[in-house]
Amino acid sequence: MSYICPLCNGLVVPEQACPHCLQGLSECGKLDDYTGPYSPYSLQTSSSMAEEDGNENGCIHMMYCHHCQTSTLWAVAQWDMSGNL
């Protein structure tokens, strides 16, 4: 099966609210971009985080709130594109 992340491919615009102050969050890219395969600071991989959330076809993105200066992770469900190829 072929899956794509709609956020990585610019197919959707993230409109998430900060869980702390309810202001808008800015999307900062995939978590894998920050914790690459050789990162010494990686506590767990994004694929294991997606499986814990019940979404084995998920893409974990880093979201940042400029108002309260906190970051949060957001699991984005990937779209199945196998029938559209």
N, C-alpha and C. Protein backbone atom coordinates (compact mmCIF):
# COMPACT_ATOMS: atom_id res chain seq x y z
N MET A 1 0.83 -1.18 0.00
CA MET A 1 0.00 0.00 0.00
C MET A 1 0.88 1.24 0.00
N SER A 2 0.36 2.29 -0.57
CA SER A 2 1.09 3.53 -0.67
C SER A 2 0.37 4.60 0.15
N TYR A 3 1.08 5.18 1.10
CA TYR A 3 0.50 6.20 1.97
C TYR A 3 1.28 7.50 1.82
N ILE A 4 0.56 8.63 1.90
CA ILE A 4 1.21 9.94 1.93
C ILE A 4 0.67 10.74 3.10
N CYS A 5 1.49 11.62 3.62
CA CYS A 5 1.05 12.51 4.69
C CYS A 5 0.48 13.77 4.03
N PRO A 6 -0.79 14.09 4.29
CA PRO A 6 -1.37 15.29 3.66
C PRO A 6 -0.71 16.58 4.13
N LEU A 7 -0.18 16.60 5.34
CA LEU A 7 0.48 17.80 5.84
C LEU A 7 1.86 17.98 5.21
N CYS A 8 2.63 16.91 5.09
CA CYS A 8 3.95 16.98 4.45
C CYS A 8 3.83 17.40 2.99
N ASN A 9 2.75 17.00 2.33
CA ASN A 9 2.58 17.27 0.91
C ASN A 9 1.76 18.53 0.63
N GLY A 10 1.44 19.29 1.67
CA GLY A 10 0.73 20.56 1.50
C GLY A 10 -0.71 20.42 1.05
N LEU A 11 -1.34 19.29 1.34
CA LEU A 11 -2.72 19.07 0.93
C LEU A 11 -3.73 19.59 1.96
N VAL A 12 -3.28 19.80 3.19
CA VAL A 12 -4.13 20.35 4.23
C VAL A 12 -3.35 21.45 4.96
N VAL A 13 -4.08 22.36 5.58
CA VAL A 13 -3.48 23.43 6.37
C VAL A 13 -3.75 23.11 7.83
N PRO A 14 -2.71 23.04 8.66
CA PRO A 14 -2.94 22.72 10.08
C PRO A 14 -3.64 23.88 10.80
N GLU A 15 -4.71 23.57 11.46
CA GLU A 15 -5.44 24.57 12.25
C GLU A 15 -5.68 24.00 13.64
N GLN A 16 -4.58 23.79 14.35
CA GLN A 16 -4.65 23.24 15.69
C GLN A 16 -4.48 24.36 16.72
N ALA A 17 -5.14 24.21 17.85
CA ALA A 17 -5.02 25.16 18.96
C ALA A 17 -4.05 24.60 19.99
N CYS A 18 -3.30 25.47 20.60
CA CYS A 18 -2.37 25.09 21.66
C CYS A 18 -3.16 24.51 22.84
N PRO A 19 -2.75 23.36 23.37
CA PRO A 19 -3.47 22.79 24.50
C PRO A 19 -3.32 23.59 25.79
N HIS A 20 -2.33 24.50 25.84
CA HIS A 20 -2.07 25.29 27.04
C HIS A 20 -2.81 26.63 27.03
N CYS A 21 -2.73 27.36 25.89
CA CYS A 21 -3.29 28.71 25.87
C CYS A 21 -4.37 28.90 24.79
N LEU A 22 -4.63 27.87 23.98
CA LEU A 22 -5.64 27.86 22.93
C LEU A 22 -5.37 28.82 21.77
N GLN A 23 -4.15 29.31 21.66
CA GLN A 23 -3.74 30.11 20.51
C GLN A 23 -3.39 29.17 19.36
N GLY A 24 -3.25 29.71 18.15
CA GLY A 24 -2.91 28.89 17.00
C GLY A 24 -1.49 28.36 17.06
N LEU A 25 -1.30 27.14 16.57
CA LEU A 25 0.01 26.50 16.53
C LEU A 25 0.61 26.63 15.14
N SER A 26 1.92 26.72 15.08
CA SER A 26 2.65 26.73 13.81
C SER A 26 3.24 25.35 13.58
N GLU A 27 3.14 24.86 12.36
CA GLU A 27 3.68 23.56 12.01
C GLU A 27 5.17 23.72 11.71
N CYS A 28 6.00 22.89 12.33
CA CYS A 28 7.46 23.02 12.21
C CYS A 28 8.11 21.83 11.52
N GLY A 29 7.34 20.95 10.91
CA GLY A 29 7.91 19.82 10.18
C GLY A 29 7.74 18.50 10.93
N LYS A 30 8.22 17.46 10.28
CA LYS A 30 8.12 16.11 10.84
C LYS A 30 9.07 15.95 12.01
N LEU A 31 8.66 15.14 12.99
CA LEU A 31 9.52 14.85 14.12
C LEU A 31 10.80 14.16 13.66
N ASP A 32 10.71 13.32 12.64
CA ASP A 32 11.89 12.62 12.12
C ASP A 32 12.95 13.59 11.61
N ASP A 33 12.54 14.78 11.18
CA ASP A 33 13.51 15.78 10.73
C ASP A 33 14.36 16.28 11.90
N TYR A 34 13.81 16.24 13.10
CA TYR A 34 14.53 16.70 14.29
C TYR A 34 15.30 15.58 14.97
N THR A 35 14.80 14.37 14.86
CA THR A 35 15.41 13.24 15.56
C THR A 35 15.88 12.19 14.57
N GLY A 36 16.59 12.57 13.56
CA GLY A 36 17.04 11.66 12.51
C GLY A 36 17.55 10.33 13.03
N PRO A 37 17.95 9.46 12.13
CA PRO A 37 18.31 8.10 12.53
C PRO A 37 19.53 8.03 13.45
N TYR A 38 20.34 9.07 13.51
CA TYR A 38 21.55 9.05 14.33
C TYR A 38 21.48 10.00 15.52
N SER A 39 20.29 10.46 15.85
CA SER A 39 20.13 11.42 16.94
C SER A 39 20.36 10.75 18.30
N PRO A 40 21.26 11.31 19.12
CA PRO A 40 21.48 10.73 20.45
C PRO A 40 20.38 11.09 21.44
N TYR A 41 19.49 12.02 21.06
CA TYR A 41 18.47 12.50 21.98
C TYR A 41 17.11 11.87 21.75
N SER A 42 17.00 10.96 20.83
CA SER A 42 15.72 10.35 20.50
C SER A 42 15.31 9.38 21.59
N LEU A 43 14.17 9.65 22.24
CA LEU A 43 13.66 8.76 23.27
C LEU A 43 12.88 7.61 22.68
N GLN A 44 12.12 7.87 21.63
CA GLN A 44 11.39 6.84 20.92
C GLN A 44 11.16 7.34 19.50
N THR A 45 11.01 6.38 18.59
CA THR A 45 10.85 6.77 17.20
C THR A 45 9.43 7.20 16.94
N SER A 46 9.24 7.99 15.90
CA SER A 46 7.91 8.48 15.58
C SER A 46 6.99 7.34 15.16
N SER A 47 7.55 6.28 14.57
CA SER A 47 6.69 5.17 14.15
C SER A 47 6.11 4.46 15.37
N SER A 48 6.90 4.33 16.45
CA SER A 48 6.36 3.70 17.65
C SER A 48 5.33 4.59 18.33
N MET A 49 5.51 5.93 18.23
CA MET A 49 4.52 6.85 18.78
C MET A 49 3.21 6.75 18.01
N ALA A 50 3.28 6.60 16.70
CA ALA A 50 2.07 6.48 15.90
C ALA A 50 1.33 5.20 16.24
N GLU A 51 2.08 4.11 16.49
CA GLU A 51 1.44 2.85 16.84
C GLU A 51 0.76 2.95 18.20
N GLU A 52 1.38 3.68 19.15
CA GLU A 52 0.77 3.85 20.47
C GLU A 52 -0.53 4.63 20.37
N ASP A 53 -0.61 5.56 19.43
CA ASP A 53 -1.82 6.35 19.24
C ASP A 53 -2.89 5.57 18.47
N GLY A 54 -2.59 4.33 18.09
CA GLY A 54 -3.54 3.52 17.34
C GLY A 54 -3.55 3.85 15.86
N ASN A 55 -2.52 4.53 15.39
CA ASN A 55 -2.45 4.93 13.99
C ASN A 55 -1.13 4.48 13.42
N GLU A 56 -1.10 3.24 12.89
CA GLU A 56 0.17 2.73 12.37
C GLU A 56 0.59 3.42 11.08
N ASN A 57 -0.32 4.14 10.44
CA ASN A 57 0.00 4.89 9.23
C ASN A 57 0.04 6.38 9.52
N GLY A 58 0.64 6.76 10.65
CA GLY A 58 0.68 8.15 11.05
C GLY A 58 2.01 8.81 10.78
N CYS A 59 1.98 10.11 10.73
CA CYS A 59 3.16 10.94 10.55
C CYS A 59 3.16 11.95 11.69
N ILE A 60 4.18 11.95 12.53
CA ILE A 60 4.22 12.80 13.71
C ILE A 60 4.87 14.13 13.34
N HIS A 61 4.18 15.22 13.62
CA HIS A 61 4.67 16.57 13.31
C HIS A 61 4.88 17.37 14.59
N MET A 62 5.89 18.23 14.55
CA MET A 62 6.18 19.13 15.66
C MET A 62 5.38 20.41 15.44
N MET A 63 4.63 20.82 16.46
CA MET A 63 3.83 22.04 16.41
C MET A 63 4.36 22.97 17.51
N TYR A 64 4.40 24.29 17.21
CA TYR A 64 4.97 25.25 18.15
C TYR A 64 4.00 26.41 18.38
N CYS A 65 3.87 26.81 19.64
CA CYS A 65 3.03 27.95 20.00
C CYS A 65 3.94 29.14 20.29
N HIS A 66 3.79 30.19 19.50
CA HIS A 66 4.60 31.39 19.69
C HIS A 66 4.13 32.20 20.90
N HIS A 67 2.89 32.00 21.30
CA HIS A 67 2.33 32.76 22.41
C HIS A 67 2.91 32.29 23.75
N CYS A 68 2.83 30.99 24.03
CA CYS A 68 3.34 30.48 25.31
C CYS A 68 4.68 29.75 25.16
N GLN A 69 5.22 29.72 23.95
CA GLN A 69 6.53 29.16 23.64
C GLN A 69 6.67 27.71 24.07
N THR A 70 5.67 26.91 23.73
CA THR A 70 5.71 25.48 23.99
C THR A 70 5.59 24.73 22.68
N SER A 71 6.08 23.52 22.67
CA SER A 71 5.94 22.68 21.49
C SER A 71 5.12 21.45 21.86
N THR A 72 4.47 20.91 20.88
CA THR A 72 3.63 19.74 21.08
C THR A 72 3.73 18.86 19.84
N LEU A 73 3.45 17.58 19.99
CA LEU A 73 3.47 16.65 18.87
C LEU A 73 2.05 16.40 18.39
N TRP A 74 1.90 16.25 17.08
CA TRP A 74 0.59 16.03 16.48
C TRP A 74 0.70 14.88 15.50
N ALA A 75 -0.08 13.83 15.72
CA ALA A 75 -0.10 12.67 14.83
C ALA A 75 -1.08 12.95 13.69
N VAL A 76 -0.58 12.92 12.47
CA VAL A 76 -1.39 13.18 11.28
C VAL A 76 -1.65 11.84 10.59
N ALA A 77 -2.92 11.52 10.36
CA ALA A 77 -3.27 10.28 9.68
C ALA A 77 -2.88 10.40 8.21
N GLN A 78 -2.16 9.39 7.72
CA GLN A 78 -1.75 9.39 6.33
C GLN A 78 -2.88 8.88 5.45
N TRP A 79 -2.91 9.34 4.21
CA TRP A 79 -3.94 8.94 3.27
C TRP A 79 -3.46 7.77 2.45
N ASP A 80 -4.34 6.80 2.23
CA ASP A 80 -4.04 5.62 1.40
C ASP A 80 -4.21 6.02 -0.06
N MET A 81 -3.12 5.99 -0.79
CA MET A 81 -3.14 6.38 -2.20
C MET A 81 -2.97 5.20 -3.14
N SER A 82 -3.05 3.97 -2.64
CA SER A 82 -2.80 2.79 -3.47
C SER A 82 -3.83 2.64 -4.58
N GLY A 83 -5.07 3.06 -4.36
CA GLY A 83 -6.10 2.94 -5.39
C GLY A 83 -6.05 4.07 -6.41
N ASN A 84 -5.28 5.11 -6.12
CA ASN A 84 -5.25 6.28 -7.00
C ASN A 84 -4.04 6.32 -7.90
N LEU A 85 -3.16 5.34 -7.82
CA LEU A 85 -1.95 5.37 -8.63
C LEU A 85 -2.14 4.73 -9.97
